[in-house]
N, C-alpha and C. Protein backbone atom coordinates (compact mmCIF):
# COMPACT_ATOMS: atom_id res chain seq x y z
N MET A 1 -42.47 91.01 56.55
CA MET A 1 -41.71 90.97 55.32
C MET A 1 -42.04 92.26 54.57
N SER A 2 -41.01 92.81 54.02
CA SER A 2 -41.21 94.10 53.36
C SER A 2 -41.78 93.90 51.97
N LYS A 3 -42.31 94.99 51.47
CA LYS A 3 -42.91 94.96 50.14
C LYS A 3 -41.84 94.63 49.10
N LYS A 4 -40.64 95.13 49.29
CA LYS A 4 -39.55 94.89 48.37
C LYS A 4 -39.17 93.41 48.36
N SER A 5 -39.15 92.78 49.55
CA SER A 5 -38.82 91.37 49.66
C SER A 5 -39.87 90.51 48.95
N LYS A 6 -41.16 90.92 49.13
CA LYS A 6 -42.24 90.18 48.48
C LYS A 6 -42.11 90.26 46.96
N ILE A 7 -41.74 91.42 46.45
CA ILE A 7 -41.57 91.58 44.99
C ILE A 7 -40.42 90.72 44.50
N ILE A 8 -39.34 90.68 45.25
CA ILE A 8 -38.17 89.87 44.87
C ILE A 8 -38.56 88.39 44.85
N ILE A 9 -39.33 87.96 45.84
CA ILE A 9 -39.74 86.57 45.91
C ILE A 9 -40.66 86.25 44.72
N ILE A 10 -41.61 87.15 44.43
CA ILE A 10 -42.54 86.93 43.31
C ILE A 10 -41.78 86.89 42.00
N VAL A 11 -40.83 87.81 41.82
CA VAL A 11 -40.02 87.84 40.58
C VAL A 11 -39.18 86.57 40.50
N SER A 12 -38.63 86.13 41.61
CA SER A 12 -37.81 84.91 41.62
C SER A 12 -38.65 83.68 41.26
N ILE A 13 -39.86 83.63 41.83
CA ILE A 13 -40.75 82.51 41.52
C ILE A 13 -41.15 82.56 40.05
N ALA A 14 -41.48 83.75 39.54
CA ALA A 14 -41.85 83.89 38.12
C ALA A 14 -40.68 83.49 37.23
N PHE A 15 -39.48 83.95 37.62
CA PHE A 15 -38.29 83.61 36.84
C PHE A 15 -38.08 82.09 36.82
N ALA A 16 -38.20 81.48 38.01
CA ALA A 16 -38.04 80.03 38.11
C ALA A 16 -39.12 79.32 37.28
N PHE A 17 -40.35 79.83 37.33
CA PHE A 17 -41.43 79.25 36.56
C PHE A 17 -41.14 79.32 35.06
N PHE A 18 -40.75 80.51 34.57
CA PHE A 18 -40.46 80.66 33.14
C PHE A 18 -39.23 79.84 32.73
N LEU A 19 -38.27 79.75 33.65
CA LEU A 19 -37.09 78.93 33.38
C LEU A 19 -37.51 77.47 33.27
N LEU A 20 -38.36 77.03 34.19
CA LEU A 20 -38.84 75.65 34.16
C LEU A 20 -39.66 75.38 32.90
N VAL A 21 -40.54 76.31 32.54
CA VAL A 21 -41.34 76.16 31.31
C VAL A 21 -40.42 76.12 30.09
N GLY A 22 -39.40 76.99 30.08
CA GLY A 22 -38.44 77.01 28.97
C GLY A 22 -37.70 75.69 28.85
N LEU A 23 -37.26 75.16 29.99
CA LEU A 23 -36.57 73.86 29.97
C LEU A 23 -37.51 72.74 29.51
N LEU A 24 -38.77 72.83 29.92
CA LEU A 24 -39.75 71.83 29.50
C LEU A 24 -39.95 71.88 27.98
N PHE A 25 -40.12 73.10 27.43
CA PHE A 25 -40.26 73.24 25.98
C PHE A 25 -39.01 72.76 25.25
N PHE A 26 -37.84 73.05 25.81
CA PHE A 26 -36.59 72.60 25.20
C PHE A 26 -36.54 71.08 25.16
N ALA A 27 -36.91 70.45 26.27
CA ALA A 27 -36.90 68.99 26.33
C ALA A 27 -37.90 68.39 25.33
N ILE A 28 -39.10 69.00 25.27
CA ILE A 28 -40.11 68.52 24.32
C ILE A 28 -39.60 68.69 22.89
N ASN A 29 -38.98 69.84 22.61
CA ASN A 29 -38.45 70.10 21.27
C ASN A 29 -37.34 69.10 20.93
N GLN A 30 -36.46 68.83 21.88
CA GLN A 30 -35.39 67.86 21.64
C GLN A 30 -35.97 66.49 21.34
N LYS A 31 -36.99 66.11 22.12
CA LYS A 31 -37.63 64.82 21.90
C LYS A 31 -38.28 64.79 20.51
N GLY A 32 -38.92 65.91 20.13
CA GLY A 32 -39.54 66.00 18.81
C GLY A 32 -38.51 65.92 17.69
N GLU A 33 -37.36 66.58 17.91
CA GLU A 33 -36.30 66.53 16.89
C GLU A 33 -35.76 65.11 16.76
N LYS A 34 -35.59 64.43 17.90
CA LYS A 34 -35.11 63.04 17.85
C LYS A 34 -36.13 62.15 17.14
N ARG A 35 -37.42 62.40 17.42
CA ARG A 35 -38.47 61.65 16.76
C ARG A 35 -38.44 61.91 15.25
N ALA A 36 -38.25 63.18 14.88
CA ALA A 36 -38.19 63.55 13.47
C ALA A 36 -36.97 62.91 12.80
N GLU A 37 -35.83 62.92 13.51
CA GLU A 37 -34.62 62.28 12.98
C GLU A 37 -34.84 60.79 12.79
N LYS A 38 -35.50 60.15 13.76
CA LYS A 38 -35.78 58.73 13.66
C LYS A 38 -36.70 58.44 12.48
N LYS A 39 -37.75 59.29 12.31
CA LYS A 39 -38.65 59.11 11.17
C LYS A 39 -37.90 59.28 9.86
N GLN A 40 -36.98 60.27 9.81
CA GLN A 40 -36.19 60.48 8.60
C GLN A 40 -35.30 59.28 8.32
N GLU A 41 -34.68 58.73 9.36
CA GLU A 41 -33.86 57.53 9.19
C GLU A 41 -34.69 56.35 8.70
N GLU A 42 -35.89 56.20 9.28
CA GLU A 42 -36.79 55.13 8.85
C GLU A 42 -37.21 55.32 7.40
N ALA A 43 -37.50 56.57 7.03
CA ALA A 43 -37.90 56.86 5.64
C ALA A 43 -36.75 56.57 4.69
N THR A 44 -35.54 56.94 5.10
CA THR A 44 -34.36 56.67 4.27
C THR A 44 -34.15 55.17 4.13
N ALA A 45 -34.29 54.45 5.24
CA ALA A 45 -34.13 52.99 5.20
C ALA A 45 -35.20 52.36 4.31
N GLN A 46 -36.43 52.87 4.39
CA GLN A 46 -37.51 52.35 3.55
C GLN A 46 -37.24 52.65 2.08
N ALA A 47 -36.75 53.87 1.80
CA ALA A 47 -36.43 54.24 0.41
C ALA A 47 -35.33 53.33 -0.13
N LEU A 48 -34.33 53.03 0.71
CA LEU A 48 -33.26 52.13 0.29
C LEU A 48 -33.80 50.72 0.06
N ALA A 49 -34.70 50.29 0.95
CA ALA A 49 -35.31 48.96 0.77
C ALA A 49 -36.13 48.92 -0.51
N ASP A 50 -36.89 49.99 -0.78
CA ASP A 50 -37.67 50.06 -2.02
C ASP A 50 -36.75 50.07 -3.24
N PHE A 51 -35.63 50.81 -3.12
CA PHE A 51 -34.65 50.87 -4.21
C PHE A 51 -34.11 49.48 -4.50
N LYS A 52 -33.83 48.72 -3.45
CA LYS A 52 -33.25 47.39 -3.61
C LYS A 52 -34.27 46.33 -4.02
N LYS A 53 -35.55 46.64 -3.81
CA LYS A 53 -36.60 45.68 -4.11
C LYS A 53 -36.88 45.67 -5.61
N MET A 54 -37.02 44.50 -6.16
CA MET A 54 -37.33 44.36 -7.58
C MET A 54 -38.82 44.05 -7.71
N THR A 55 -39.48 44.75 -8.61
CA THR A 55 -40.91 44.52 -8.81
C THR A 55 -41.12 43.21 -9.56
N GLU A 56 -42.34 42.71 -9.49
CA GLU A 56 -42.68 41.47 -10.20
C GLU A 56 -42.45 41.63 -11.70
N SER A 57 -42.84 42.79 -12.25
CA SER A 57 -42.67 42.99 -13.70
C SER A 57 -41.19 43.06 -14.07
N GLU A 58 -40.36 43.63 -13.19
CA GLU A 58 -38.91 43.66 -13.46
C GLU A 58 -38.34 42.25 -13.44
N MET A 59 -38.81 41.42 -12.51
CA MET A 59 -38.33 40.03 -12.45
C MET A 59 -38.74 39.26 -13.70
N ILE A 60 -39.96 39.50 -14.17
CA ILE A 60 -40.43 38.84 -15.39
C ILE A 60 -39.59 39.30 -16.58
N ALA A 61 -39.34 40.60 -16.67
CA ALA A 61 -38.57 41.15 -17.79
C ALA A 61 -37.16 40.57 -17.82
N LEU A 62 -36.61 40.25 -16.66
CA LEU A 62 -35.25 39.69 -16.59
C LEU A 62 -35.27 38.16 -16.55
N ASN A 63 -36.42 37.55 -16.80
CA ASN A 63 -36.57 36.09 -16.80
C ASN A 63 -36.13 35.44 -15.50
N LEU A 64 -36.46 36.08 -14.38
CA LEU A 64 -36.13 35.53 -13.07
C LEU A 64 -37.36 34.85 -12.50
N PRO A 65 -37.19 33.69 -11.87
CA PRO A 65 -38.34 33.03 -11.26
C PRO A 65 -38.86 33.85 -10.08
N ALA A 66 -40.14 33.77 -9.83
CA ALA A 66 -40.76 34.54 -8.75
C ALA A 66 -40.15 34.19 -7.40
N SER A 67 -39.62 32.97 -7.27
CA SER A 67 -39.05 32.53 -6.00
C SER A 67 -37.61 33.03 -5.79
N ALA A 68 -37.01 33.65 -6.79
CA ALA A 68 -35.62 34.10 -6.67
C ALA A 68 -35.49 35.19 -5.62
N GLN A 69 -34.43 35.13 -4.85
CA GLN A 69 -34.13 36.17 -3.88
C GLN A 69 -33.20 37.17 -4.58
N VAL A 70 -33.75 38.34 -4.87
CA VAL A 70 -33.05 39.31 -5.70
C VAL A 70 -32.96 40.65 -4.97
N GLU A 71 -31.81 41.31 -5.13
CA GLU A 71 -31.62 42.64 -4.58
C GLU A 71 -31.04 43.52 -5.67
N VAL A 72 -31.64 44.68 -5.89
CA VAL A 72 -31.13 45.62 -6.88
C VAL A 72 -29.89 46.29 -6.30
N VAL A 73 -28.82 46.34 -7.08
CA VAL A 73 -27.57 46.95 -6.64
C VAL A 73 -27.44 48.36 -7.21
N GLU A 74 -27.92 48.55 -8.44
CA GLU A 74 -27.76 49.86 -9.08
C GLU A 74 -28.94 50.13 -10.01
N ARG A 75 -29.41 51.37 -9.97
CA ARG A 75 -30.44 51.85 -10.90
C ARG A 75 -29.92 53.10 -11.58
N ASP A 76 -30.40 53.36 -12.80
CA ASP A 76 -29.98 54.57 -13.51
C ASP A 76 -30.90 55.74 -13.15
N GLU A 77 -30.68 56.87 -13.82
CA GLU A 77 -31.46 58.07 -13.51
C GLU A 77 -32.93 57.93 -13.85
N PHE A 78 -33.30 56.91 -14.63
CA PHE A 78 -34.69 56.67 -14.99
C PHE A 78 -35.29 55.55 -14.14
N ASN A 79 -34.57 55.16 -13.08
CA ASN A 79 -34.98 54.11 -12.15
C ASN A 79 -34.99 52.73 -12.79
N GLN A 80 -34.27 52.56 -13.90
CA GLN A 80 -34.15 51.26 -14.55
C GLN A 80 -32.99 50.51 -13.90
N ILE A 81 -33.14 49.22 -13.75
CA ILE A 81 -32.12 48.39 -13.11
C ILE A 81 -30.88 48.32 -13.98
N ARG A 82 -29.71 48.60 -13.38
CA ARG A 82 -28.43 48.49 -14.08
C ARG A 82 -27.67 47.26 -13.59
N ALA A 83 -27.86 46.88 -12.31
CA ALA A 83 -27.20 45.69 -11.77
C ALA A 83 -28.04 45.17 -10.62
N TYR A 84 -28.03 43.84 -10.47
CA TYR A 84 -28.78 43.23 -9.38
C TYR A 84 -28.01 42.02 -8.88
N ARG A 85 -28.38 41.58 -7.67
CA ARG A 85 -27.70 40.46 -7.03
C ARG A 85 -28.72 39.34 -6.81
N VAL A 86 -28.37 38.14 -7.24
CA VAL A 86 -29.22 36.97 -7.03
C VAL A 86 -28.45 36.04 -6.10
N LEU A 87 -29.00 35.83 -4.91
CA LEU A 87 -28.36 34.95 -3.91
C LEU A 87 -26.86 35.23 -3.77
N GLY A 88 -26.51 36.49 -3.69
CA GLY A 88 -25.12 36.88 -3.45
C GLY A 88 -24.29 37.07 -4.70
N ASN A 89 -24.83 36.78 -5.88
CA ASN A 89 -24.07 36.96 -7.12
C ASN A 89 -24.55 38.23 -7.82
N GLU A 90 -23.63 39.15 -8.08
CA GLU A 90 -24.01 40.40 -8.74
C GLU A 90 -24.06 40.18 -10.25
N VAL A 91 -25.14 40.67 -10.86
CA VAL A 91 -25.33 40.50 -12.30
C VAL A 91 -25.51 41.88 -12.90
N ALA A 92 -24.70 42.23 -13.89
CA ALA A 92 -24.84 43.51 -14.57
C ALA A 92 -25.88 43.39 -15.67
N VAL A 93 -26.74 44.37 -15.75
CA VAL A 93 -27.76 44.40 -16.80
C VAL A 93 -27.20 45.26 -17.92
N PRO A 94 -27.14 44.74 -19.14
CA PRO A 94 -26.55 45.54 -20.22
C PRO A 94 -27.40 46.76 -20.56
N THR A 95 -26.73 47.79 -21.07
CA THR A 95 -27.48 48.95 -21.55
C THR A 95 -28.20 48.54 -22.82
N ILE A 96 -29.11 49.37 -23.26
CA ILE A 96 -29.85 49.08 -24.49
C ILE A 96 -28.88 48.93 -25.65
N GLU A 97 -27.88 49.82 -25.71
CA GLU A 97 -26.90 49.75 -26.80
C GLU A 97 -26.13 48.44 -26.76
N GLU A 98 -25.71 48.03 -25.54
CA GLU A 98 -24.98 46.77 -25.40
C GLU A 98 -25.85 45.58 -25.78
N ALA A 99 -27.10 45.62 -25.35
CA ALA A 99 -28.02 44.51 -25.63
C ALA A 99 -28.27 44.39 -27.13
N LEU A 100 -28.43 45.52 -27.80
CA LEU A 100 -28.69 45.48 -29.24
C LEU A 100 -27.50 44.91 -30.02
N LYS A 101 -26.29 45.16 -29.54
CA LYS A 101 -25.10 44.66 -30.22
C LYS A 101 -25.00 43.14 -30.15
N THR A 102 -25.59 42.54 -29.13
CA THR A 102 -25.47 41.09 -28.94
C THR A 102 -26.80 40.36 -29.07
N ALA A 103 -27.84 41.07 -29.42
CA ALA A 103 -29.17 40.44 -29.50
C ALA A 103 -29.28 39.52 -30.71
N ASP A 104 -29.95 38.41 -30.50
CA ASP A 104 -30.27 37.47 -31.57
C ASP A 104 -31.69 36.99 -31.30
N SER A 105 -32.66 37.79 -31.69
CA SER A 105 -34.06 37.56 -31.33
C SER A 105 -34.60 36.21 -31.77
N ASP A 106 -34.20 35.73 -32.96
CA ASP A 106 -34.70 34.45 -33.44
C ASP A 106 -33.76 33.29 -33.11
N GLU A 107 -32.66 33.59 -32.41
CA GLU A 107 -31.69 32.58 -31.96
C GLU A 107 -31.16 31.72 -33.10
N ASP A 108 -30.88 32.36 -34.24
CA ASP A 108 -30.34 31.63 -35.39
C ASP A 108 -28.84 31.82 -35.56
N GLN A 109 -28.18 32.40 -34.56
CA GLN A 109 -26.74 32.67 -34.54
C GLN A 109 -26.35 33.82 -35.46
N LEU A 110 -27.32 34.51 -36.04
CA LEU A 110 -27.08 35.70 -36.85
C LEU A 110 -27.61 36.88 -36.03
N LEU A 111 -26.71 37.73 -35.54
CA LEU A 111 -27.12 38.82 -34.66
C LEU A 111 -28.13 39.74 -35.34
N ASP A 112 -29.02 40.30 -34.55
CA ASP A 112 -30.05 41.21 -35.08
C ASP A 112 -29.44 42.35 -35.86
N VAL A 113 -28.32 42.89 -35.36
CA VAL A 113 -27.65 44.00 -36.06
C VAL A 113 -27.29 43.58 -37.48
N ARG A 114 -26.74 42.39 -37.64
CA ARG A 114 -26.37 41.87 -38.96
C ARG A 114 -27.63 41.62 -39.81
N GLU A 115 -28.68 41.11 -39.18
CA GLU A 115 -29.93 40.86 -39.93
C GLU A 115 -30.50 42.17 -40.46
N TYR A 116 -30.43 43.23 -39.65
CA TYR A 116 -30.90 44.54 -40.12
C TYR A 116 -30.06 45.03 -41.29
N GLU A 117 -28.74 44.78 -41.22
CA GLU A 117 -27.85 45.17 -42.33
C GLU A 117 -28.22 44.42 -43.61
N LEU A 118 -28.54 43.14 -43.47
CA LEU A 118 -28.86 42.30 -44.63
C LEU A 118 -30.29 42.50 -45.13
N GLY A 119 -31.15 43.02 -44.26
CA GLY A 119 -32.56 43.17 -44.62
C GLY A 119 -33.39 41.95 -44.28
N THR A 120 -32.80 41.00 -43.55
CA THR A 120 -33.54 39.80 -43.15
C THR A 120 -34.34 40.09 -41.88
N ASP A 121 -35.26 39.20 -41.56
CA ASP A 121 -36.14 39.36 -40.41
C ASP A 121 -35.46 38.81 -39.16
N PRO A 122 -35.14 39.67 -38.18
CA PRO A 122 -34.45 39.18 -36.98
C PRO A 122 -35.32 38.30 -36.08
N TYR A 123 -36.61 38.19 -36.41
CA TYR A 123 -37.52 37.35 -35.62
C TYR A 123 -37.90 36.07 -36.36
N ASN A 124 -37.25 35.80 -37.49
CA ASN A 124 -37.56 34.61 -38.29
C ASN A 124 -36.24 33.99 -38.71
N ILE A 125 -36.01 32.74 -38.35
CA ILE A 125 -34.71 32.12 -38.68
C ILE A 125 -34.56 31.88 -40.18
N ASP A 126 -35.65 31.89 -40.92
CA ASP A 126 -35.60 31.64 -42.36
C ASP A 126 -36.48 32.69 -43.06
N THR A 127 -35.91 33.84 -43.32
CA THR A 127 -36.66 34.98 -43.86
C THR A 127 -37.35 34.64 -45.18
N ASP A 128 -36.65 33.92 -46.09
CA ASP A 128 -37.24 33.64 -47.41
C ASP A 128 -38.00 32.32 -47.47
N ASN A 129 -38.13 31.64 -46.33
CA ASN A 129 -38.92 30.40 -46.22
C ASN A 129 -38.50 29.30 -47.20
N ASP A 130 -37.19 29.17 -47.41
CA ASP A 130 -36.71 28.12 -48.32
C ASP A 130 -36.16 26.90 -47.57
N LEU A 131 -36.43 26.84 -46.27
CA LEU A 131 -35.97 25.76 -45.39
C LEU A 131 -34.46 25.74 -45.21
N LEU A 132 -33.81 26.87 -45.49
CA LEU A 132 -32.39 27.03 -45.24
C LEU A 132 -32.26 28.29 -44.36
N PRO A 133 -31.89 28.12 -43.08
CA PRO A 133 -31.84 29.26 -42.17
C PRO A 133 -30.92 30.39 -42.69
N ASP A 134 -31.28 31.62 -42.32
CA ASP A 134 -30.54 32.79 -42.77
C ASP A 134 -29.04 32.67 -42.45
N PHE A 135 -28.71 32.18 -41.25
CA PHE A 135 -27.31 32.05 -40.86
C PHE A 135 -26.54 31.19 -41.87
N TYR A 136 -27.11 30.06 -42.26
CA TYR A 136 -26.45 29.16 -43.21
C TYR A 136 -26.34 29.80 -44.59
N GLU A 137 -27.38 30.50 -44.99
CA GLU A 137 -27.34 31.16 -46.31
C GLU A 137 -26.23 32.20 -46.35
N VAL A 138 -26.06 32.96 -45.27
CA VAL A 138 -25.07 34.03 -45.24
C VAL A 138 -23.66 33.50 -45.00
N ASN A 139 -23.49 32.58 -44.06
CA ASN A 139 -22.15 32.19 -43.61
C ASN A 139 -21.62 30.88 -44.19
N ILE A 140 -22.46 30.02 -44.70
CA ILE A 140 -21.97 28.73 -45.19
C ILE A 140 -22.16 28.59 -46.69
N TYR A 141 -23.40 28.75 -47.16
CA TYR A 141 -23.67 28.51 -48.58
C TYR A 141 -23.55 29.77 -49.44
N GLU A 142 -23.46 30.92 -48.79
CA GLU A 142 -23.33 32.22 -49.48
C GLU A 142 -24.43 32.43 -50.52
N THR A 143 -25.65 32.07 -50.14
CA THR A 143 -26.82 32.29 -50.99
C THR A 143 -27.54 33.54 -50.51
N ASP A 144 -28.56 33.94 -51.22
CA ASP A 144 -29.31 35.15 -50.89
C ASP A 144 -30.39 34.80 -49.87
N PRO A 145 -30.28 35.32 -48.61
CA PRO A 145 -31.27 34.99 -47.60
C PRO A 145 -32.64 35.65 -47.85
N LEU A 146 -32.70 36.52 -48.86
CA LEU A 146 -33.97 37.19 -49.19
C LEU A 146 -34.66 36.54 -50.38
N SER A 147 -33.98 35.56 -51.02
CA SER A 147 -34.54 34.87 -52.19
C SER A 147 -34.57 33.37 -51.91
N SER A 148 -35.71 32.77 -52.05
CA SER A 148 -35.81 31.33 -51.78
C SER A 148 -35.11 30.49 -52.86
N ASP A 149 -34.84 31.09 -54.03
CA ASP A 149 -34.18 30.39 -55.13
C ASP A 149 -33.07 31.29 -55.67
N SER A 150 -31.89 31.20 -55.03
CA SER A 150 -30.79 32.12 -55.35
C SER A 150 -30.30 32.01 -56.80
N ASP A 151 -30.39 30.81 -57.41
CA ASP A 151 -29.91 30.66 -58.79
C ASP A 151 -31.06 30.63 -59.81
N PHE A 152 -32.27 30.88 -59.36
CA PHE A 152 -33.46 31.01 -60.22
C PHE A 152 -33.67 29.79 -61.15
N ASP A 153 -33.40 28.59 -60.60
CA ASP A 153 -33.58 27.39 -61.43
C ASP A 153 -34.90 26.66 -61.12
N GLY A 154 -35.72 27.25 -60.26
CA GLY A 154 -37.01 26.65 -59.95
C GLY A 154 -37.01 25.78 -58.70
N TYR A 155 -35.86 25.58 -58.12
CA TYR A 155 -35.74 24.78 -56.90
C TYR A 155 -35.31 25.70 -55.75
N THR A 156 -35.91 25.53 -54.58
CA THR A 156 -35.52 26.37 -53.45
C THR A 156 -34.11 26.01 -53.00
N ASP A 157 -33.45 26.99 -52.39
CA ASP A 157 -32.09 26.76 -51.90
C ASP A 157 -32.06 25.60 -50.90
N GLY A 158 -33.04 25.55 -50.01
CA GLY A 158 -33.09 24.47 -49.01
C GLY A 158 -33.28 23.12 -49.65
N ASP A 159 -34.10 23.05 -50.71
CA ASP A 159 -34.33 21.79 -51.41
C ASP A 159 -33.05 21.33 -52.11
N GLU A 160 -32.35 22.28 -52.75
CA GLU A 160 -31.11 21.91 -53.45
C GLU A 160 -30.05 21.42 -52.48
N VAL A 161 -29.87 22.14 -51.36
CA VAL A 161 -28.87 21.71 -50.37
C VAL A 161 -29.26 20.35 -49.80
N GLY A 162 -30.55 20.16 -49.50
CA GLY A 162 -31.03 18.89 -48.95
C GLY A 162 -30.79 17.72 -49.88
N ARG A 163 -30.75 17.98 -51.21
CA ARG A 163 -30.54 16.90 -52.19
C ARG A 163 -29.08 16.83 -52.67
N GLY A 164 -28.26 17.72 -52.10
CA GLY A 164 -26.83 17.68 -52.45
C GLY A 164 -26.47 18.49 -53.68
N TYR A 165 -27.35 19.39 -54.11
CA TYR A 165 -27.06 20.22 -55.29
C TYR A 165 -26.62 21.61 -54.87
N ASN A 166 -25.93 22.27 -55.77
CA ASN A 166 -25.42 23.62 -55.54
C ASN A 166 -26.58 24.63 -55.64
N PRO A 167 -26.89 25.36 -54.58
CA PRO A 167 -27.99 26.32 -54.63
C PRO A 167 -27.61 27.62 -55.37
N LYS A 168 -26.32 27.73 -55.78
CA LYS A 168 -25.90 28.94 -56.49
C LYS A 168 -25.67 28.69 -57.98
N GLY A 169 -25.93 27.49 -58.44
CA GLY A 169 -25.72 27.18 -59.85
C GLY A 169 -25.84 25.70 -60.13
N ASP A 170 -25.30 25.29 -61.26
CA ASP A 170 -25.38 23.90 -61.68
C ASP A 170 -24.41 23.03 -60.91
N GLY A 171 -24.70 21.74 -60.90
CA GLY A 171 -23.79 20.75 -60.34
C GLY A 171 -24.03 20.43 -58.88
N PRO A 172 -23.20 19.52 -58.37
CA PRO A 172 -23.34 19.09 -56.98
C PRO A 172 -22.85 20.18 -56.01
N LEU A 173 -23.29 20.04 -54.80
CA LEU A 173 -22.92 20.99 -53.75
C LEU A 173 -21.46 20.82 -53.41
N GLN A 174 -20.72 21.92 -53.41
CA GLN A 174 -19.31 21.90 -53.04
C GLN A 174 -19.07 23.06 -52.09
N LEU A 175 -18.56 22.75 -50.92
CA LEU A 175 -18.26 23.78 -49.93
C LEU A 175 -16.77 24.04 -49.93
N ASP A 176 -16.39 25.28 -49.87
CA ASP A 176 -14.95 25.63 -49.84
C ASP A 176 -14.38 25.41 -48.47
């Protein structure tokens, strides 16, 4: 065999070797990329699961029992829950502005917004402690919810109404 033939064979073997090594690295790289893609998909799925998962404190804040099966549907840019699903029913969580418009902290049928306007305590159904709830003073008897004796006769508004007297002046109670 000639020297030239030996060189061609050696170069061919080296070429085949480097080609084989290149293909091996390519295959390893492809496998690594697929593994990385799978990890990314798993991370995305986990992030979505975490997004949908409601924390214990969030469930308490929304008055949901610990046993409730809940899935978060929407969160805002601050990661606060905007909507969630309980056993297949989607529930929208009001914004702070919406909640304030309909809040009635003391459950006296007088909205907190109105109580703030009147100067009454939104956490106390009877701000002036006259045994006549703020709602009744404002909407039924038209007395002062900040004064326990609207007509200054020495008797509380609640006592006068309870005895059938007019809490705004003399005489018996008369409702329009």
